[in-house]
């Protein structure tokens, strides 16, 4: 589980209503992620969303965002915080792929360079571990990166 926190202060020419800010923010989040639920509040609400895999059609990760909106005459402030985590299906997929590759390592190797499978299996297992570590870290950091860009685009729309 990874914590997400992003905020943006927007200098506006006129007072932006909270309903306009919420609508623009949720539409941009819907464009980047698969949104499951959006809370009812206008100034403080929750969004539950995730990223779907094109290959399997299941969620790769899910996150829950708590969003706080404030608006005054010349400023608007958006604060987003929440948590993201990998889904159970993604974890199972990584485990199954690792087991399949290790089972493949038990078969005789056609290469004469590899006399036994133990050193080859160790290297493959280390590479799989590195891939899983860096891939999960990248996937868990992805929502925060997208949210920063979404808030910057709101600054362009509502800002001076």
C-alpha atoms as a PDB file:
ATOM      1  CA  UNK A   1       0.000   0.000   0.000  1.00  0.00           C
ATOM      2  CA  UNK A   2       1.306   3.424  -0.976  1.00  0.00           C
ATOM      3  CA  UNK A   3       0.171   6.811   0.281  1.00  0.00           C
ATOM      4  CA  UNK A   4      -0.820   9.458  -2.279  1.00  0.00           C
ATOM      5  CA  UNK A   5      -0.821  13.177  -1.527  1.00  0.00           C
ATOM      6  CA  UNK A   6      -1.130  15.964  -4.094  1.00  0.00           C
ATOM      7  CA  UNK A   7      -2.335  19.550  -3.798  1.00  0.00           C
ATOM      8  CA  UNK A   8      -2.735  22.542  -6.058  1.00  0.00           C
ATOM      9  CA  UNK A   9      -3.454  26.205  -5.375  1.00  0.00           C
ATOM     10  CA  UNK A  10      -5.089  27.994  -8.290  1.00  0.00           C
ATOM     11  CA  UNK A  11      -5.109  31.773  -8.710  1.00  0.00           C
ATOM     12  CA  UNK A  12      -8.401  32.559 -10.443  1.00  0.00           C
ATOM     13  CA  UNK A  13      -9.729  35.674 -12.145  1.00  0.00           C
ATOM     14  CA  UNK A  14     -13.218  35.069 -10.739  1.00  0.00           C
ATOM     15  CA  UNK A  15     -14.653  32.852  -8.055  1.00  0.00           C
ATOM     16  CA  UNK A  16     -14.826  29.256  -9.246  1.00  0.00           C
ATOM     17  CA  UNK A  17     -17.741  27.339  -7.761  1.00  0.00           C
ATOM     18  CA  UNK A  18     -17.079  24.087  -5.952  1.00  0.00           C
ATOM     19  CA  UNK A  19     -19.475  22.273  -8.296  1.00  0.00           C
ATOM     20  CA  UNK A  20     -17.435  23.385 -11.332  1.00  0.00           C
ATOM     21  CA  UNK A  21     -14.183  22.305  -9.700  1.00  0.00           C
ATOM     22  CA  UNK A  22     -15.612  18.934  -8.680  1.00  0.00           C
ATOM     23  CA  UNK A  23     -17.052  18.286 -12.137  1.00  0.00           C
ATOM     24  CA  UNK A  24     -13.818  19.197 -13.944  1.00  0.00           C
ATOM     25  CA  UNK A  25     -11.712  17.133 -11.530  1.00  0.00           C
ATOM     26  CA  UNK A  26     -13.900  14.023 -11.692  1.00  0.00           C
ATOM     27  CA  UNK A  27     -14.105  14.174 -15.497  1.00  0.00           C
ATOM     28  CA  UNK A  28     -10.323  14.280 -15.770  1.00  0.00           C
ATOM     29  CA  UNK A  29      -9.958  11.414 -13.294  1.00  0.00           C
ATOM     30  CA  UNK A  30     -12.541   9.432 -15.298  1.00  0.00           C
ATOM     31  CA  UNK A  31     -10.415  10.016 -18.405  1.00  0.00           C
ATOM     32  CA  UNK A  32      -7.296   8.607 -16.760  1.00  0.00           C
ATOM     33  CA  UNK A  33      -8.761   5.824 -14.573  1.00  0.00           C
ATOM     34  CA  UNK A  34     -11.752   3.555 -14.237  1.00  0.00           C
ATOM     35  CA  UNK A  35     -13.843   5.318 -11.565  1.00  0.00           C
ATOM     36  CA  UNK A  36     -16.087   3.101  -9.456  1.00  0.00           C
ATOM     37  CA  UNK A  37     -17.688   5.605  -7.067  1.00  0.00           C
ATOM     38  CA  UNK A  38     -17.731   9.355  -6.477  1.00  0.00           C
ATOM     39  CA  UNK A  39     -18.894  10.735  -3.136  1.00  0.00           C
ATOM     40  CA  UNK A  40     -21.837  13.113  -2.796  1.00  0.00           C
ATOM     41  CA  UNK A  41     -20.192  15.984  -0.943  1.00  0.00           C
ATOM     42  CA  UNK A  42     -19.347  19.178  -2.763  1.00  0.00           C
ATOM     43  CA  UNK A  43     -16.335  20.404  -0.807  1.00  0.00           C
ATOM     44  CA  UNK A  44     -15.170  17.097   0.713  1.00  0.00           C
ATOM     45  CA  UNK A  45     -15.757  13.806  -1.105  1.00  0.00           C
ATOM     46  CA  UNK A  46     -14.224  10.415  -1.860  1.00  0.00           C
ATOM     47  CA  UNK A  47     -13.395   8.761  -5.173  1.00  0.00           C
ATOM     48  CA  UNK A  48     -12.700   5.031  -5.533  1.00  0.00           C
ATOM     49  CA  UNK A  49     -10.989   4.157  -8.804  1.00  0.00           C
ATOM     50  CA  UNK A  50      -8.373   1.912 -10.366  1.00  0.00           C
ATOM     51  CA  UNK A  51      -6.487   0.922 -13.479  1.00  0.00           C
ATOM     52  CA  UNK A  52      -7.797  -1.965 -15.561  1.00  0.00           C
ATOM     53  CA  UNK A  53      -5.528  -4.330 -17.435  1.00  0.00           C
ATOM     54  CA  UNK A  54      -6.200  -4.454 -21.167  1.00  0.00           C
ATOM     55  CA  UNK A  55      -4.850  -8.006 -21.280  1.00  0.00           C
ATOM     56  CA  UNK A  56      -6.938  -9.594 -18.510  1.00  0.00           C
ATOM     57  CA  UNK A  57      -9.731  -7.075 -18.034  1.00  0.00           C
ATOM     58  CA  UNK A  58      -9.235  -7.046 -14.264  1.00  0.00           C
ATOM     59  CA  UNK A  59      -7.960  -4.261 -12.064  1.00  0.00           C
ATOM     60  CA  UNK A  60      -4.184  -3.937 -11.687  1.00  0.00           C
ATOM     61  CA  UNK A  61      -4.460  -1.603  -8.715  1.00  0.00           C
ATOM     62  CA  UNK A  62      -7.150   0.292  -6.853  1.00  0.00           C
ATOM     63  CA  UNK A  63      -7.025   3.507  -4.905  1.00  0.00           C
ATOM     64  CA  UNK A  64      -9.262   5.583  -2.709  1.00  0.00           C
ATOM     65  CA  UNK A  65      -8.899   9.361  -2.775  1.00  0.00           C
ATOM     66  CA  UNK A  66     -10.164  11.846  -0.209  1.00  0.00           C
ATOM     67  CA  UNK A  67     -10.592  15.202  -1.928  1.00  0.00           C
ATOM     68  CA  UNK A  68     -10.968  18.577  -0.251  1.00  0.00           C
ATOM     69  CA  UNK A  69     -11.988  21.598  -2.341  1.00  0.00           C
ATOM     70  CA  UNK A  70     -11.898  25.222  -1.171  1.00  0.00           C
ATOM     71  CA  UNK A  71     -12.764  28.279  -3.186  1.00  0.00           C
ATOM     72  CA  UNK A  72     -12.593  31.988  -2.435  1.00  0.00           C
ATOM     73  CA  UNK A  73     -12.836  35.106  -4.551  1.00  0.00           C
ATOM     74  CA  UNK A  74      -9.390  34.888  -6.130  1.00  0.00           C
ATOM     75  CA  UNK A  75      -8.175  31.408  -5.171  1.00  0.00           C
ATOM     76  CA  UNK A  76      -9.144  27.794  -5.326  1.00  0.00           C
ATOM     77  CA  UNK A  77      -7.381  25.024  -3.453  1.00  0.00           C
ATOM     78  CA  UNK A  78      -7.544  21.292  -4.161  1.00  0.00           C
ATOM     79  CA  UNK A  79      -6.064  18.755  -1.734  1.00  0.00           C
ATOM     80  CA  UNK A  80      -6.023  15.059  -2.678  1.00  0.00           C
ATOM     81  CA  UNK A  81      -4.814  12.276  -0.394  1.00  0.00           C
ATOM     82  CA  UNK A  82      -5.423   8.568  -0.260  1.00  0.00           C
ATOM     83  CA  UNK A  83      -3.961   5.098  -0.639  1.00  0.00           C
ATOM     84  CA  UNK A  84      -3.265   2.809  -3.555  1.00  0.00           C
ATOM     85  CA  UNK A  85      -2.678  -0.938  -3.491  1.00  0.00           C
ATOM     86  CA  UNK A  86      -2.207  -3.814  -5.902  1.00  0.00           C
ATOM     87  CA  UNK A  87      -5.199  -6.066  -6.346  1.00  0.00           C
ATOM     88  CA  UNK A  88      -5.156  -9.724  -5.388  1.00  0.00           C
ATOM     89  CA  UNK A  89      -5.351 -10.794  -9.048  1.00  0.00           C
ATOM     90  CA  UNK A  90      -2.145  -8.866  -9.854  1.00  0.00           C
ATOM     91  CA  UNK A  91      -0.294 -10.492  -6.962  1.00  0.00           C
ATOM     92  CA  UNK A  92      -1.484 -13.944  -8.038  1.00  0.00           C
ATOM     93  CA  UNK A  93      -0.423 -13.242 -11.639  1.00  0.00           C
ATOM     94  CA  UNK A  94       3.126 -12.376 -10.513  1.00  0.00           C
ATOM     95  CA  UNK A  95       3.339 -15.558  -8.420  1.00  0.00           C
ATOM     96  CA  UNK A  96       2.023 -17.771 -11.232  1.00  0.00           C
ATOM     97  CA  UNK A  97       4.463 -16.278 -13.743  1.00  0.00           C
ATOM     98  CA  UNK A  98       7.391 -16.824 -11.365  1.00  0.00           C
ATOM     99  CA  UNK A  99       6.390 -20.452 -10.743  1.00  0.00           C
ATOM    100  CA  UNK A 100       5.973 -21.113 -14.478  1.00  0.00           C
ATOM    101  CA  UNK A 101       9.406 -19.710 -15.250  1.00  0.00           C
ATOM    102  CA  UNK A 102      10.966 -21.752 -12.460  1.00  0.00           C
ATOM    103  CA  UNK A 103       9.217 -24.898 -13.734  1.00  0.00           C
ATOM    104  CA  UNK A 104      10.539 -24.128 -17.193  1.00  0.00           C
ATOM    105  CA  UNK A 105      14.026 -24.034 -15.657  1.00  0.00           C
ATOM    106  CA  UNK A 106      13.661 -27.671 -14.582  1.00  0.00           C
ATOM    107  CA  UNK A 107      13.652 -28.879 -18.172  1.00  0.00           C
ATOM    108  CA  UNK A 108      17.016 -29.752 -19.752  1.00  0.00           C
ATOM    109  CA  UNK A 109      18.714 -26.763 -21.349  1.00  0.00           C
ATOM    110  CA  UNK A 110      19.851 -27.065 -24.963  1.00  0.00           C
ATOM    111  CA  UNK A 111      22.778 -24.760 -24.283  1.00  0.00           C
ATOM    112  CA  UNK A 112      26.105 -26.364 -23.420  1.00  0.00           C
ATOM    113  CA  UNK A 113      26.990 -23.292 -21.380  1.00  0.00           C
ATOM    114  CA  UNK A 114      24.509 -24.226 -18.678  1.00  0.00           C
ATOM    115  CA  UNK A 115      25.593 -27.542 -17.212  1.00  0.00           C
ATOM    116  CA  UNK A 116      23.095 -27.517 -14.369  1.00  0.00           C
ATOM    117  CA  UNK A 117      19.915 -25.571 -13.915  1.00  0.00           C
ATOM    118  CA  UNK A 118      20.646 -24.295 -10.406  1.00  0.00           C
ATOM    119  CA  UNK A 119      22.784 -21.276 -11.295  1.00  0.00           C
ATOM    120  CA  UNK A 120      20.544 -20.443 -14.237  1.00  0.00           C
ATOM    121  CA  UNK A 121      17.454 -20.725 -12.032  1.00  0.00           C
ATOM    122  CA  UNK A 122      19.049 -18.445  -9.424  1.00  0.00           C
ATOM    123  CA  UNK A 123      19.752 -15.758 -11.995  1.00  0.00           C
ATOM    124  CA  UNK A 124      16.250 -16.056 -13.453  1.00  0.00           C
ATOM    125  CA  UNK A 125      14.706 -15.872  -9.987  1.00  0.00           C
ATOM    126  CA  UNK A 126      16.707 -12.731  -9.178  1.00  0.00           C
ATOM    127  CA  UNK A 127      15.673 -11.114 -12.455  1.00  0.00           C
ATOM    128  CA  UNK A 128      12.024 -11.982 -11.809  1.00  0.00           C
ATOM    129  CA  UNK A 129      12.298 -10.511  -8.323  1.00  0.00           C
ATOM    130  CA  UNK A 130      13.799  -7.285  -9.665  1.00  0.00           C
ATOM    131  CA  UNK A 131      11.122  -7.039 -12.334  1.00  0.00           C
ATOM    132  CA  UNK A 132       8.307  -7.559  -9.812  1.00  0.00           C
ATOM    133  CA  UNK A 133       9.811  -5.057  -7.375  1.00  0.00           C
ATOM    134  CA  UNK A 134      10.313  -2.281  -9.944  1.00  0.00           C
ATOM    135  CA  UNK A 135       7.025  -2.966 -11.733  1.00  0.00           C
ATOM    136  CA  UNK A 136       4.947  -2.858  -8.553  1.00  0.00           C
ATOM    137  CA  UNK A 137       6.745   0.283  -7.386  1.00  0.00           C
ATOM    138  CA  UNK A 138       6.030   1.942 -10.737  1.00  0.00           C
ATOM    139  CA  UNK A 139       2.378   0.882 -10.718  1.00  0.00           C
ATOM    140  CA  UNK A 140       1.805   2.113  -7.175  1.00  0.00           C
ATOM    141  CA  UNK A 141       3.396   5.511  -7.985  1.00  0.00           C
ATOM    142  CA  UNK A 142       1.442   5.930 -11.225  1.00  0.00           C
ATOM    143  CA  UNK A 143      -1.754   7.436  -9.696  1.00  0.00           C
ATOM    144  CA  UNK A 144       0.175  10.207  -7.948  1.00  0.00           C
ATOM    145  CA  UNK A 145       1.917  11.151 -11.192  1.00  0.00           C
ATOM    146  CA  UNK A 146      -1.372  11.287 -13.078  1.00  0.00           C
ATOM    147  CA  UNK A 147      -3.043  13.281 -10.299  1.00  0.00           C
ATOM    148  CA  UNK A 148      -0.270  15.900 -10.396  1.00  0.00           C
ATOM    149  CA  UNK A 149      -0.848  16.334 -14.123  1.00  0.00           C
ATOM    150  CA  UNK A 150      -4.627  16.478 -13.644  1.00  0.00           C
ATOM    151  CA  UNK A 151      -4.314  19.229 -11.036  1.00  0.00           C
ATOM    152  CA  UNK A 152      -1.920  21.162 -13.279  1.00  0.00           C
ATOM    153  CA  UNK A 153      -4.482  20.991 -16.088  1.00  0.00           C
ATOM    154  CA  UNK A 154      -7.130  22.360 -13.707  1.00  0.00           C
ATOM    155  CA  UNK A 155      -4.773  25.249 -13.001  1.00  0.00           C
ATOM    156  CA  UNK A 156      -4.646  25.928 -16.739  1.00  0.00           C
ATOM    157  CA  UNK A 157      -8.454  25.804 -17.048  1.00  0.00           C
ATOM    158  CA  UNK A 158      -9.405  27.845 -13.995  1.00  0.00           C
ATOM    159  CA  UNK A 159      -6.240  29.904 -13.477  1.00  0.00           C
ATOM    160  CA  UNK A 160      -5.290  33.331 -14.783  1.00  0.00           C
END
